[in-house]
Amino acid sequence: MNFKNIVETINGLPREYKMEIITLLEHNVADSRREEIAANYKKSTIEQKSGKLKFSSKVSELKNALMEFSFSSSFKKAFKKRSKSTKFEPDFLLRFN
């Protein structure tokens, strides 16, 4: 059965069944996200114990750590320009996600 057939089958169901499917899917997505968060937590705990994670409250160290990631050269250039010309704002990075 392909996706189109599934959608057509769902469209043919009574409203209460559709609502139940919505609820099931919402729970499934939430469960998947919880599993992902738990896996990330386990991975970060292992990295912390092995010394791979670095923590800092110094803005300059945080900026340098961000630059170690494989961002595009245009992002790095914009980040450096922005961070030199203005006060560093945490929400700045959210605009690039």
N, C-alpha and C. Protein backbone atom coordinates (compact mmCIF):
# COMPACT_ATOMS: atom_id res chain seq x y z
N MET A 1 0.85 -1.17 0.00
CA MET A 1 0.00 0.00 0.00
C MET A 1 0.90 1.24 0.00
N ASN A 2 0.64 2.18 -0.90
CA ASN A 2 1.45 3.40 -0.95
C ASN A 2 0.76 4.53 -0.19
N PHE A 3 1.47 5.66 -0.07
CA PHE A 3 0.97 6.79 0.71
C PHE A 3 -0.37 7.30 0.18
N LYS A 4 -0.50 7.38 -1.13
CA LYS A 4 -1.74 7.87 -1.74
C LYS A 4 -2.93 6.98 -1.35
N ASN A 5 -2.71 5.69 -1.37
CA ASN A 5 -3.78 4.75 -0.99
C ASN A 5 -4.15 4.91 0.48
N ILE A 6 -3.14 5.11 1.31
CA ILE A 6 -3.40 5.29 2.74
C ILE A 6 -4.25 6.53 2.97
N VAL A 7 -3.88 7.64 2.30
CA VAL A 7 -4.63 8.89 2.44
C VAL A 7 -6.06 8.70 1.95
N GLU A 8 -6.23 8.05 0.83
CA GLU A 8 -7.58 7.82 0.29
C GLU A 8 -8.40 6.95 1.24
N THR A 9 -7.77 5.95 1.83
CA THR A 9 -8.46 5.08 2.78
C THR A 9 -8.90 5.88 4.00
N ILE A 10 -7.99 6.71 4.52
CA ILE A 10 -8.32 7.53 5.69
C ILE A 10 -9.45 8.50 5.36
N ASN A 11 -9.41 9.10 4.18
CA ASN A 11 -10.47 10.03 3.78
C ASN A 11 -11.83 9.36 3.74
N GLY A 12 -11.85 8.07 3.48
CA GLY A 12 -13.11 7.34 3.42
C GLY A 12 -13.64 6.89 4.78
N LEU A 13 -12.88 7.09 5.82
CA LEU A 13 -13.29 6.66 7.16
C LEU A 13 -14.25 7.65 7.80
N PRO A 14 -15.04 7.17 8.77
CA PRO A 14 -15.90 8.09 9.53
C PRO A 14 -15.04 9.06 10.35
N ARG A 15 -15.64 10.18 10.71
CA ARG A 15 -14.94 11.25 11.42
C ARG A 15 -14.29 10.76 12.72
N GLU A 16 -15.01 9.95 13.50
CA GLU A 16 -14.45 9.49 14.78
C GLU A 16 -13.20 8.64 14.59
N TYR A 17 -13.13 7.87 13.50
CA TYR A 17 -11.93 7.09 13.21
C TYR A 17 -10.77 8.02 12.83
N LYS A 18 -11.10 9.05 12.06
CA LYS A 18 -10.07 10.03 11.68
C LYS A 18 -9.49 10.71 12.91
N MET A 19 -10.36 11.06 13.85
CA MET A 19 -9.90 11.71 15.09
C MET A 19 -9.01 10.75 15.89
N GLU A 20 -9.37 9.48 15.90
CA GLU A 20 -8.55 8.48 16.60
C GLU A 20 -7.19 8.34 15.93
N ILE A 21 -7.16 8.37 14.62
CA ILE A 21 -5.89 8.30 13.89
C ILE A 21 -5.02 9.50 14.22
N ILE A 22 -5.64 10.68 14.28
CA ILE A 22 -4.89 11.89 14.64
C ILE A 22 -4.26 11.72 16.02
N THR A 23 -5.05 11.25 16.98
CA THR A 23 -4.55 11.06 18.34
C THR A 23 -3.40 10.05 18.36
N LEU A 24 -3.56 8.94 17.65
CA LEU A 24 -2.51 7.93 17.59
C LEU A 24 -1.23 8.49 16.98
N LEU A 25 -1.37 9.25 15.90
CA LEU A 25 -0.19 9.83 15.26
C LEU A 25 0.50 10.86 16.15
N GLU A 26 -0.29 11.69 16.84
CA GLU A 26 0.30 12.67 17.75
C GLU A 26 1.08 11.98 18.86
N HIS A 27 0.53 10.91 19.42
CA HIS A 27 1.23 10.16 20.45
C HIS A 27 2.48 9.50 19.90
N ASN A 28 2.38 8.97 18.69
CA ASN A 28 3.52 8.32 18.07
C ASN A 28 4.65 9.32 17.83
N VAL A 29 4.32 10.51 17.35
CA VAL A 29 5.33 11.55 17.11
C VAL A 29 5.97 11.97 18.44
N ALA A 30 5.16 12.14 19.47
CA ALA A 30 5.69 12.52 20.79
C ALA A 30 6.61 11.43 21.34
N ASP A 31 6.20 10.17 21.19
CA ASP A 31 7.05 9.06 21.65
C ASP A 31 8.37 9.03 20.90
N SER A 32 8.31 9.24 19.60
CA SER A 32 9.53 9.25 18.79
C SER A 32 10.47 10.37 19.24
N ARG A 33 9.91 11.53 19.51
CA ARG A 33 10.72 12.67 19.95
C ARG A 33 11.34 12.40 21.32
N ARG A 34 10.57 11.78 22.22
CA ARG A 34 11.11 11.42 23.54
C ARG A 34 12.27 10.44 23.40
N GLU A 35 12.13 9.48 22.50
CA GLU A 35 13.21 8.51 22.26
C GLU A 35 14.45 9.22 21.71
N GLU A 36 14.23 10.16 20.82
CA GLU A 36 15.34 10.93 20.25
C GLU A 36 16.05 11.74 21.34
N ILE A 37 15.28 12.39 22.19
CA ILE A 37 15.85 13.18 23.29
C ILE A 37 16.64 12.28 24.24
N ALA A 38 16.08 11.11 24.57
CA ALA A 38 16.77 10.17 25.46
C ALA A 38 18.08 9.69 24.84
N ALA A 39 18.06 9.40 23.55
CA ALA A 39 19.29 8.95 22.86
C ALA A 39 20.34 10.07 22.87
N ASN A 40 19.90 11.30 22.61
CA ASN A 40 20.83 12.43 22.63
C ASN A 40 21.41 12.63 24.03
N TYR A 41 20.58 12.45 25.06
CA TYR A 41 21.04 12.58 26.44
C TYR A 41 22.11 11.52 26.73
N LYS A 42 21.83 10.27 26.35
CA LYS A 42 22.80 9.20 26.59
C LYS A 42 24.12 9.49 25.88
N LYS A 43 24.02 9.94 24.63
CA LYS A 43 25.22 10.25 23.85
C LYS A 43 26.00 11.39 24.51
N SER A 44 25.32 12.43 24.92
CA SER A 44 26.02 13.57 25.54
C SER A 44 26.61 13.20 26.89
N THR A 45 25.95 12.30 27.63
CA THR A 45 26.49 11.84 28.91
C THR A 45 27.80 11.09 28.69
N ILE A 46 27.83 10.25 27.68
CA ILE A 46 29.05 9.51 27.34
C ILE A 46 30.15 10.48 26.91
N GLU A 47 29.79 11.47 26.07
CA GLU A 47 30.76 12.46 25.62
C GLU A 47 31.29 13.28 26.79
N GLN A 48 30.43 13.61 27.74
CA GLN A 48 30.86 14.38 28.90
C GLN A 48 31.84 13.57 29.74
N LYS A 49 31.54 12.31 29.98
CA LYS A 49 32.41 11.47 30.79
C LYS A 49 33.76 11.24 30.12
N SER A 50 33.78 11.22 28.79
CA SER A 50 35.04 11.00 28.07
C SER A 50 35.82 12.30 27.86
N GLY A 51 35.24 13.43 28.27
CA GLY A 51 35.93 14.71 28.15
C GLY A 51 35.77 15.39 26.80
N LYS A 52 34.88 14.90 25.96
CA LYS A 52 34.67 15.50 24.64
C LYS A 52 33.84 16.77 24.69
N LEU A 53 33.02 16.93 25.72
CA LEU A 53 32.19 18.13 25.83
C LEU A 53 32.93 19.20 26.60
N LYS A 54 32.79 20.42 26.13
CA LYS A 54 33.40 21.56 26.80
C LYS A 54 32.30 22.52 27.22
N PHE A 55 32.39 23.03 28.44
CA PHE A 55 31.41 23.97 28.94
C PHE A 55 32.11 25.29 29.24
N SER A 56 31.41 26.38 28.97
CA SER A 56 31.97 27.69 29.24
C SER A 56 30.86 28.72 29.36
N SER A 57 31.10 29.72 30.19
CA SER A 57 30.17 30.83 30.28
C SER A 57 30.76 32.08 29.63
N LYS A 58 31.95 31.95 29.06
CA LYS A 58 32.60 33.08 28.39
C LYS A 58 32.10 33.16 26.95
N VAL A 59 31.58 34.32 26.58
CA VAL A 59 31.01 34.51 25.24
C VAL A 59 32.05 34.26 24.17
N SER A 60 33.27 34.73 24.35
CA SER A 60 34.30 34.55 23.33
C SER A 60 34.61 33.07 23.10
N GLU A 61 34.62 32.27 24.17
CA GLU A 61 34.85 30.84 24.01
C GLU A 61 33.68 30.16 23.30
N LEU A 62 32.47 30.61 23.60
CA LEU A 62 31.29 30.04 22.94
C LEU A 62 31.30 30.37 21.44
N LYS A 63 31.68 31.61 21.10
CA LYS A 63 31.76 31.99 19.69
C LYS A 63 32.78 31.12 18.96
N ASN A 64 33.95 30.93 19.58
CA ASN A 64 34.98 30.10 18.95
C ASN A 64 34.52 28.66 18.79
N ALA A 65 33.80 28.14 19.78
CA ALA A 65 33.28 26.77 19.69
C ALA A 65 32.29 26.65 18.53
N LEU A 66 31.45 27.67 18.35
CA LEU A 66 30.50 27.66 17.24
C LEU A 66 31.21 27.65 15.90
N MET A 67 32.31 28.35 15.81
CA MET A 67 33.04 28.44 14.55
C MET A 67 33.72 27.12 14.19
N GLU A 68 33.88 26.22 15.15
CA GLU A 68 34.49 24.92 14.88
C GLU A 68 33.56 24.00 14.09
N PHE A 69 32.27 24.27 14.12
CA PHE A 69 31.32 23.47 13.35
C PHE A 69 31.51 23.74 11.87
N SER A 70 31.01 22.85 11.05
CA SER A 70 31.20 22.98 9.61
C SER A 70 30.10 23.83 8.98
N PHE A 71 30.06 25.11 9.38
CA PHE A 71 29.14 26.04 8.75
C PHE A 71 29.70 26.46 7.40
N SER A 72 28.85 26.96 6.54
CA SER A 72 29.32 27.46 5.25
C SER A 72 30.20 28.69 5.46
N SER A 73 31.04 28.97 4.49
CA SER A 73 31.93 30.12 4.60
C SER A 73 31.15 31.42 4.66
N SER A 74 30.01 31.51 3.96
CA SER A 74 29.21 32.73 4.01
C SER A 74 28.60 32.93 5.40
N PHE A 75 28.21 31.83 6.06
CA PHE A 75 27.69 31.94 7.42
C PHE A 75 28.80 32.42 8.35
N LYS A 76 29.99 31.81 8.24
CA LYS A 76 31.09 32.20 9.11
C LYS A 76 31.43 33.68 8.93
N LYS A 77 31.45 34.13 7.67
CA LYS A 77 31.78 35.53 7.41
C LYS A 77 30.72 36.44 8.02
N ALA A 78 29.46 36.10 7.85
CA ALA A 78 28.38 36.92 8.41
C ALA A 78 28.42 36.90 9.93
N PHE A 79 28.72 35.74 10.50
CA PHE A 79 28.79 35.62 11.95
C PHE A 79 29.92 36.48 12.51
N LYS A 80 31.09 36.40 11.88
CA LYS A 80 32.23 37.20 12.35
C LYS A 80 31.93 38.68 12.22
N LYS A 81 31.36 39.08 11.09
CA LYS A 81 31.04 40.49 10.87
C LYS A 81 30.03 40.96 11.91
N ARG A 82 28.99 40.17 12.12
CA ARG A 82 27.93 40.54 13.07
C ARG A 82 28.47 40.59 14.49
N SER A 83 29.28 39.60 14.87
CA SER A 83 29.76 39.54 16.25
C SER A 83 30.77 40.64 16.54
N LYS A 84 31.46 41.16 15.52
CA LYS A 84 32.39 42.27 15.73
C LYS A 84 31.66 43.60 15.83
N SER A 85 30.59 43.73 15.05
CA SER A 85 29.92 45.03 14.96
C SER A 85 28.84 45.24 16.01
N THR A 86 28.30 44.17 16.57
CA THR A 86 27.22 44.32 17.55
C THR A 86 27.46 43.43 18.75
N LYS A 87 26.72 43.70 19.76
CA LYS A 87 26.74 42.86 20.95
C LYS A 87 26.20 41.49 20.57
N PHE A 88 26.83 40.44 21.05
CA PHE A 88 26.38 39.09 20.75
C PHE A 88 25.03 38.84 21.39
N GLU A 89 24.07 38.39 20.59
CA GLU A 89 22.73 38.09 21.07
C GLU A 89 22.42 36.63 20.77
N PRO A 90 22.01 35.83 21.77
CA PRO A 90 21.72 34.42 21.54
C PRO A 90 20.68 34.18 20.44
N ASP A 91 19.70 35.06 20.29
CA ASP A 91 18.68 34.83 19.28
C ASP A 91 19.22 35.00 17.87
N PHE A 92 20.41 35.55 17.72
CA PHE A 92 21.01 35.71 16.39
C PHE A 92 21.12 34.37 15.68
N LEU A 93 21.55 33.34 16.40
CA LEU A 93 21.73 32.03 15.78
C LEU A 93 20.42 31.40 15.39
N LEU A 94 19.35 31.71 16.08
CA LEU A 94 18.04 31.12 15.76
C LEU A 94 17.57 31.52 14.38
N ARG A 95 17.99 32.68 13.91
CA ARG A 95 17.56 33.14 12.59
C ARG A 95 18.18 32.32 11.47
N PHE A 96 19.24 31.55 11.76
CA PHE A 96 19.89 30.77 10.73
C PHE A 96 19.43 29.33 10.72
N ASN A 97 18.57 28.95 11.63
CA ASN A 97 18.07 27.56 11.68
C ASN A 97 16.82 27.41 10.87
